[in-house]
Amino acid sequence: MSTKTRVGVEVRNGNFEKALSIFKKKVRRSGILQEYKENQEFKKPSTVKREAKRKKEYNLRKNES
């Protein structure tokens, strides 16, 4: 799962802080950093399935209450 998403922001009126906050929001929503962190080390397919199952069960329990 490799994404080649480009994220960019234009700085208007020299307002760098606002542009930076918009950039951070776009990066967070695109999932680029999350994908990078997940691909830092190899995980066995069985481990990936187990983690997905745990996450699914956790979300189901959380949504019940």
PDB file of N, CA and C in Angstrom:
ATOM      1  N   MET A   1       0.842  -1.170   0.000  1.00  0.00           N
ATOM      2  CA  MET A   1       0.000   0.000   0.000  1.00  0.00           C
ATOM      3  C   MET A   1       0.892   1.240   0.000  1.00  0.00           C
ATOM      4  N   SER A   2       1.265   1.653  -1.142  1.00  0.00           N
ATOM      5  CA  SER A   2       2.143   2.812  -1.252  1.00  0.00           C
ATOM      6  C   SER A   2       1.394   3.972  -1.881  1.00  0.00           C
ATOM      7  N   THR A   3       1.387   5.079  -1.188  1.00  0.00           N
ATOM      8  CA  THR A   3       0.719   6.250  -1.743  1.00  0.00           C
ATOM      9  C   THR A   3       1.771   7.233  -2.209  1.00  0.00           C
ATOM     10  N   LYS A   4       1.474   7.902  -3.271  1.00  0.00           N
ATOM     11  CA  LYS A   4       2.369   8.926  -3.812  1.00  0.00           C
ATOM     12  C   LYS A   4       1.653  10.268  -3.746  1.00  0.00           C
ATOM     13  N   THR A   5       1.058  10.531  -2.609  1.00  0.00           N
ATOM     14  CA  THR A   5       0.296  11.757  -2.431  1.00  0.00           C
ATOM     15  C   THR A   5       1.237  12.921  -2.170  1.00  0.00           C
ATOM     16  N   ARG A   6       0.991  14.016  -2.867  1.00  0.00           N
ATOM     17  CA  ARG A   6       1.769  15.226  -2.640  1.00  0.00           C
ATOM     18  C   ARG A   6       0.884  16.207  -1.896  1.00  0.00           C
ATOM     19  N   VAL A   7       1.451  16.777  -0.854  1.00  0.00           N
ATOM     20  CA  VAL A   7       0.714  17.737  -0.053  1.00  0.00           C
ATOM     21  C   VAL A   7       1.472  19.056  -0.095  1.00  0.00           C
ATOM     22  N   GLY A   8       0.772  20.117  -0.426  1.00  0.00           N
ATOM     23  CA  GLY A   8       1.409  21.422  -0.487  1.00  0.00           C
ATOM     24  C   GLY A   8       0.459  22.507  -0.014  1.00  0.00           C
ATOM     25  N   VAL A   9       1.049  23.608   0.443  1.00  0.00           N
ATOM     26  CA  VAL A   9       0.268  24.736   0.940  1.00  0.00           C
ATOM     27  C   VAL A   9       0.926  26.020   0.463  1.00  0.00           C
ATOM     28  N   GLU A  10       0.109  26.990   0.119  1.00  0.00           N
ATOM     29  CA  GLU A  10       0.609  28.283  -0.309  1.00  0.00           C
ATOM     30  C   GLU A  10       0.617  29.241   0.883  1.00  0.00           C
ATOM     31  N   VAL A  11       1.746  29.946   1.080  1.00  0.00           N
ATOM     32  CA  VAL A  11       1.849  30.934   2.156  1.00  0.00           C
ATOM     33  C   VAL A  11       1.308  32.257   1.631  1.00  0.00           C
ATOM     34  N   ARG A  12       0.283  32.751   2.309  1.00  0.00           N
ATOM     35  CA  ARG A  12      -0.347  34.002   1.876  1.00  0.00           C
ATOM     36  C   ARG A  12      -0.043  35.113   2.871  1.00  0.00           C
ATOM     37  N   ASN A  13       0.271  36.280   2.365  1.00  0.00           N
ATOM     38  CA  ASN A  13       0.537  37.472   3.179  1.00  0.00           C
ATOM     39  C   ASN A  13       1.615  37.242   4.231  1.00  0.00           C
ATOM     40  N   GLY A  14       2.551  36.353   3.950  1.00  0.00           N
ATOM     41  CA  GLY A  14       3.647  36.097   4.873  1.00  0.00           C
ATOM     42  C   GLY A  14       3.220  35.395   6.148  1.00  0.00           C
ATOM     43  N   ASN A  15       2.017  34.819   6.184  1.00  0.00           N
ATOM     44  CA  ASN A  15       1.503  34.160   7.378  1.00  0.00           C
ATOM     45  C   ASN A  15       1.944  32.695   7.381  1.00  0.00           C
ATOM     46  N   PHE A  16       3.194  32.483   7.786  1.00  0.00           N
ATOM     47  CA  PHE A  16       3.779  31.149   7.760  1.00  0.00           C
ATOM     48  C   PHE A  16       3.129  30.217   8.781  1.00  0.00           C
ATOM     49  N   GLU A  17       2.782  30.719   9.960  1.00  0.00           N
ATOM     50  CA  GLU A  17       2.200  29.890  11.014  1.00  0.00           C
ATOM     51  C   GLU A  17       0.878  29.271  10.555  1.00  0.00           C
ATOM     52  N   LYS A  18       0.049  30.072   9.902  1.00  0.00           N
ATOM     53  CA  LYS A  18      -1.240  29.575   9.408  1.00  0.00           C
ATOM     54  C   LYS A  18      -1.012  28.515   8.328  1.00  0.00           C
ATOM     55  N   ALA A  19      -0.064  28.770   7.430  1.00  0.00           N
ATOM     56  CA  ALA A  19       0.237  27.811   6.374  1.00  0.00           C
ATOM     57  C   ALA A  19       0.768  26.503   6.968  1.00  0.00           C
ATOM     58  N   LEU A  20       1.578  26.611   8.009  1.00  0.00           N
ATOM     59  CA  LEU A  20       2.122  25.415   8.650  1.00  0.00           C
ATOM     60  C   LEU A  20       1.017  24.596   9.300  1.00  0.00           C
ATOM     61  N   SER A  21       0.078  25.259   9.963  1.00  0.00           N
ATOM     62  CA  SER A  21      -1.007  24.519  10.610  1.00  0.00           C
ATOM     63  C   SER A  21      -1.894  23.836   9.564  1.00  0.00           C
ATOM     64  N   ILE A  22      -2.135  24.491   8.446  1.00  0.00           N
ATOM     65  CA  ILE A  22      -2.923  23.883   7.375  1.00  0.00           C
ATOM     66  C   ILE A  22      -2.173  22.686   6.786  1.00  0.00           C
ATOM     67  N   PHE A  23      -0.859  22.839   6.611  1.00  0.00           N
ATOM     68  CA  PHE A  23      -0.036  21.754   6.081  1.00  0.00           C
ATOM     69  C   PHE A  23      -0.077  20.538   7.004  1.00  0.00           C
ATOM     70  N   LYS A  24       0.075  20.769   8.299  1.00  0.00           N
ATOM     71  CA  LYS A  24       0.040  19.663   9.262  1.00  0.00           C
ATOM     72  C   LYS A  24      -1.299  18.938   9.219  1.00  0.00           C
ATOM     73  N   LYS A  25      -2.378  19.698   9.102  1.00  0.00           N
ATOM     74  CA  LYS A  25      -3.710  19.099   9.037  1.00  0.00           C
ATOM     75  C   LYS A  25      -3.860  18.244   7.783  1.00  0.00           C
ATOM     76  N   LYS A  26      -3.367  18.728   6.651  1.00  0.00           N
ATOM     77  CA  LYS A  26      -3.463  17.975   5.399  1.00  0.00           C
ATOM     78  C   LYS A  26      -2.642  16.689   5.466  1.00  0.00           C
ATOM     79  N   VAL A  27      -1.456  16.768   6.059  1.00  0.00           N
ATOM     80  CA  VAL A  27      -0.600  15.583   6.184  1.00  0.00           C
ATOM     81  C   VAL A  27      -1.274  14.551   7.083  1.00  0.00           C
ATOM     82  N   ARG A  28      -1.858  15.005   8.187  1.00  0.00           N
ATOM     83  CA  ARG A  28      -2.529  14.095   9.115  1.00  0.00           C
ATOM     84  C   ARG A  28      -3.700  13.405   8.425  1.00  0.00           C
ATOM     85  N   ARG A  29      -4.498  14.153   7.682  1.00  0.00           N
ATOM     86  CA  ARG A  29      -5.667  13.578   7.005  1.00  0.00           C
ATOM     87  C   ARG A  29      -5.274  12.630   5.879  1.00  0.00           C
ATOM     88  N   SER A  30      -4.169  12.891   5.204  1.00  0.00           N
ATOM     89  CA  SER A  30      -3.759  12.041   4.085  1.00  0.00           C
ATOM     90  C   SER A  30      -3.211  10.699   4.565  1.00  0.00           C
ATOM     91  N   GLY A  31      -2.727  10.624   5.794  1.00  0.00           N
ATOM     92  CA  GLY A  31      -2.225   9.369   6.337  1.00  0.00           C
ATOM     93  C   GLY A  31      -0.805   9.037   5.925  1.00  0.00           C
ATOM     94  N   ILE A  32      -0.070   9.997   5.407  1.00  0.00           N
ATOM     95  CA  ILE A  32       1.291   9.755   4.940  1.00  0.00           C
ATOM     96  C   ILE A  32       2.197   9.322   6.093  1.00  0.00           C
ATOM     97  N   LEU A  33       2.152  10.044   7.198  1.00  0.00           N
ATOM     98  CA  LEU A  33       3.021   9.706   8.325  1.00  0.00           C
ATOM     99  C   LEU A  33       2.649   8.364   8.939  1.00  0.00           C
ATOM    100  N   GLN A  34       1.359   8.074   9.029  1.00  0.00           N
ATOM    101  CA  GLN A  34       0.923   6.791   9.582  1.00  0.00           C
ATOM    102  C   GLN A  34       1.453   5.641   8.732  1.00  0.00           C
ATOM    103  N   GLU A  35       1.367   5.782   7.427  1.00  0.00           N
ATOM    104  CA  GLU A  35       1.872   4.746   6.538  1.00  0.00           C
ATOM    105  C   GLU A  35       3.387   4.597   6.680  1.00  0.00           C
ATOM    106  N   TYR A  36       4.082   5.700   6.816  1.00  0.00           N
ATOM    107  CA  TYR A  36       5.530   5.669   6.991  1.00  0.00           C
ATOM    108  C   TYR A  36       5.900   4.921   8.269  1.00  0.00           C
ATOM    109  N   LYS A  37       5.209   5.223   9.350  1.00  0.00           N
ATOM    110  CA  LYS A  37       5.499   4.573  10.628  1.00  0.00           C
ATOM    111  C   LYS A  37       5.216   3.077  10.571  1.00  0.00           C
ATOM    112  N   GLU A  38       4.128   2.702   9.887  1.00  0.00           N
ATOM    113  CA  GLU A  38       3.787   1.282   9.778  1.00  0.00           C
ATOM    114  C   GLU A  38       4.827   0.510   8.980  1.00  0.00           C
ATOM    115  N   ASN A  39       5.471   1.161   8.034  1.00  0.00           N
ATOM    116  CA  ASN A  39       6.433   0.481   7.175  1.00  0.00           C
ATOM    117  C   ASN A  39       7.866   0.572   7.690  1.00  0.00           C
ATOM    118  N   GLN A  40       8.071   1.031   8.899  1.00  0.00           N
ATOM    119  CA  GLN A  40       9.419   1.132   9.454  1.00  0.00           C
ATOM    120  C   GLN A  40      10.037  -0.246   9.673  1.00  0.00           C
ATOM    121  N   GLU A  41       9.210  -1.217  10.042  1.00  0.00           N
ATOM    122  CA  GLU A  41       9.740  -2.555  10.266  1.00  0.00           C
ATOM    123  C   GLU A  41       8.774  -3.572   9.680  1.00  0.00           C
ATOM    124  N   PHE A  42       9.305  -4.731   9.316  1.00  0.00           N
ATOM    125  CA  PHE A  42       8.479  -5.779   8.729  1.00  0.00           C
ATOM    126  C   PHE A  42       7.662  -6.447   9.810  1.00  0.00           C
ATOM    127  N   LYS A  43       6.388  -6.690   9.503  1.00  0.00           N
ATOM    128  CA  LYS A  43       5.517  -7.444  10.403  1.00  0.00           C
ATOM    129  C   LYS A  43       5.016  -8.656   9.650  1.00  0.00           C
ATOM    130  N   LYS A  44       5.036  -9.780  10.337  1.00  0.00           N
ATOM    131  CA  LYS A  44       4.538 -11.000   9.729  1.00  0.00           C
ATOM    132  C   LYS A  44       3.051 -10.850   9.443  1.00  0.00           C
ATOM    133  N   PRO A  45       2.559 -11.473   8.383  1.00  0.00           N
ATOM    134  CA  PRO A  45       1.135 -11.378   8.066  1.00  0.00           C
ATOM    135  C   PRO A  45       0.234 -11.832   9.212  1.00  0.00           C
ATOM    136  N   SER A  46       0.658 -12.851   9.949  1.00  0.00           N
ATOM    137  CA  SER A  46      -0.156 -13.321  11.077  1.00  0.00           C
ATOM    138  C   SER A  46      -0.243 -12.254  12.168  1.00  0.00           C
ATOM    139  N   THR A  47       0.826 -11.501  12.376  1.00  0.00           N
ATOM    140  CA  THR A  47       0.824 -10.429  13.365  1.00  0.00           C
ATOM    141  C   THR A  47      -0.095  -9.302  12.927  1.00  0.00           C
ATOM    142  N   VAL A  48      -0.070  -8.991  11.649  1.00  0.00           N
ATOM    143  CA  VAL A  48      -0.932  -7.932  11.125  1.00  0.00           C
ATOM    144  C   VAL A  48      -2.397  -8.321  11.305  1.00  0.00           C
ATOM    145  N   LYS A  49      -2.735  -9.580  10.991  1.00  0.00           N
ATOM    146  CA  LYS A  49      -4.113 -10.053  11.154  1.00  0.00           C
ATOM    147  C   LYS A  49      -4.538 -10.013  12.619  1.00  0.00           C
ATOM    148  N   ARG A  50      -3.655 -10.439  13.515  1.00  0.00           N
ATOM    149  CA  ARG A  50      -3.967 -10.450  14.936  1.00  0.00           C
ATOM    150  C   ARG A  50      -4.220  -9.037  15.455  1.00  0.00           C
ATOM    151  N   GLU A  51      -3.387  -8.089  15.047  1.00  0.00           N
ATOM    152  CA  GLU A  51      -3.568  -6.699  15.470  1.00  0.00           C
ATOM    153  C   GLU A  51      -4.870  -6.118  14.927  1.00  0.00           C
ATOM    154  N   ALA A  52      -5.203  -6.455  13.679  1.00  0.00           N
ATOM    155  CA  ALA A  52      -6.452  -5.972  13.086  1.00  0.00           C
ATOM    156  C   ALA A  52      -7.659  -6.534  13.831  1.00  0.00           C
ATOM    157  N   LYS A  53      -7.569  -7.805  14.206  1.00  0.00           N
ATOM    158  CA  LYS A  53      -8.667  -8.435  14.947  1.00  0.00           C
ATOM    159  C   LYS A  53      -8.832  -7.770  16.316  1.00  0.00           C
ATOM    160  N   ARG A  54      -7.725  -7.526  17.009  1.00  0.00           N
ATOM    161  CA  ARG A  54      -7.788  -6.861  18.315  1.00  0.00           C
ATOM    162  C   ARG A  54      -8.382  -5.467  18.205  1.00  0.00           C
ATOM    163  N   LYS A  55      -7.977  -4.747  17.181  1.00  0.00           N
ATOM    164  CA  LYS A  55      -8.484  -3.388  16.991  1.00  0.00           C
ATOM    165  C   LYS A  55      -9.986  -3.407  16.710  1.00  0.00           C
ATOM    166  N   LYS A  56     -10.414  -4.366  15.888  1.00  0.00           N
ATOM    167  CA  LYS A  56     -11.838  -4.490  15.572  1.00  0.00           C
ATOM    168  C   LYS A  56     -12.640  -4.799  16.833  1.00  0.00           C
ATOM    169  N   GLU A  57     -12.167  -5.751  17.636  1.00  0.00           N
ATOM    170  CA  GLU A  57     -12.860  -6.107  18.876  1.00  0.00           C
ATOM    171  C   GLU A  57     -12.907  -4.928  19.843  1.00  0.00           C
ATOM    172  N   TYR A  58     -11.818  -4.198  19.934  1.00  0.00           N
ATOM    173  CA  TYR A  58     -11.758  -3.026  20.808  1.00  0.00           C
ATOM    174  C   TYR A  58     -12.800  -1.990  20.387  1.00  0.00           C
ATOM    175  N   ASN A  59     -12.871  -1.723  19.081  1.00  0.00           N
ATOM    176  CA  ASN A  59     -13.825  -0.726  18.583  1.00  0.00           C
ATOM    177  C   ASN A  59     -15.266  -1.187  18.795  1.00  0.00           C
ATOM    178  N   LEU A  60     -15.536  -2.497  18.635  1.00  0.00           N
ATOM    179  CA  LEU A  60     -16.876  -2.987  18.877  1.00  0.00           C
ATOM    180  C   LEU A  60     -17.284  -2.807  20.337  1.00  0.00           C
ATOM    181  N   ARG A  61     -16.371  -3.157  21.262  1.00  0.00           N
ATOM    182  CA  ARG A  61     -16.661  -2.975  22.696  1.00  0.00           C
ATOM    183  C   ARG A  61     -16.834  -1.512  23.042  1.00  0.00           C
ATOM    184  N   LYS A  62     -16.021  -0.666  22.458  1.00  0.00           N
ATOM    185  CA  LYS A  62     -16.078   0.772  22.745  1.00  0.00           C
ATOM    186  C   LYS A  62     -17.406   1.352  22.262  1.00  0.00           C
ATOM    187  N   ASN A  63     -17.889   0.908  21.111  1.00  0.00           N
ATOM    188  CA  ASN A  63     -19.129   1.442  20.554  1.00  0.00           C
ATOM    189  C   ASN A  63     -20.382   0.882  21.243  1.00  0.00           C
ATOM    190  N   GLU A  64     -20.256  -0.258  21.935  1.00  0.00           N
ATOM    191  CA  GLU A  64     -21.410  -0.828  22.638  1.00  0.00           C
ATOM    192  C   GLU A  64     -21.817   0.020  23.824  1.00  0.00           C
ATOM    193  N   SER A  65     -20.844   0.551  24.544  1.00  0.00           N
ATOM    194  CA  SER A  65     -21.175   1.285  25.773  1.00  0.00           C
ATOM    195  C   SER A  65     -21.426   2.736  25.549  1.00  0.00           C
TER     196      SER A  65
END
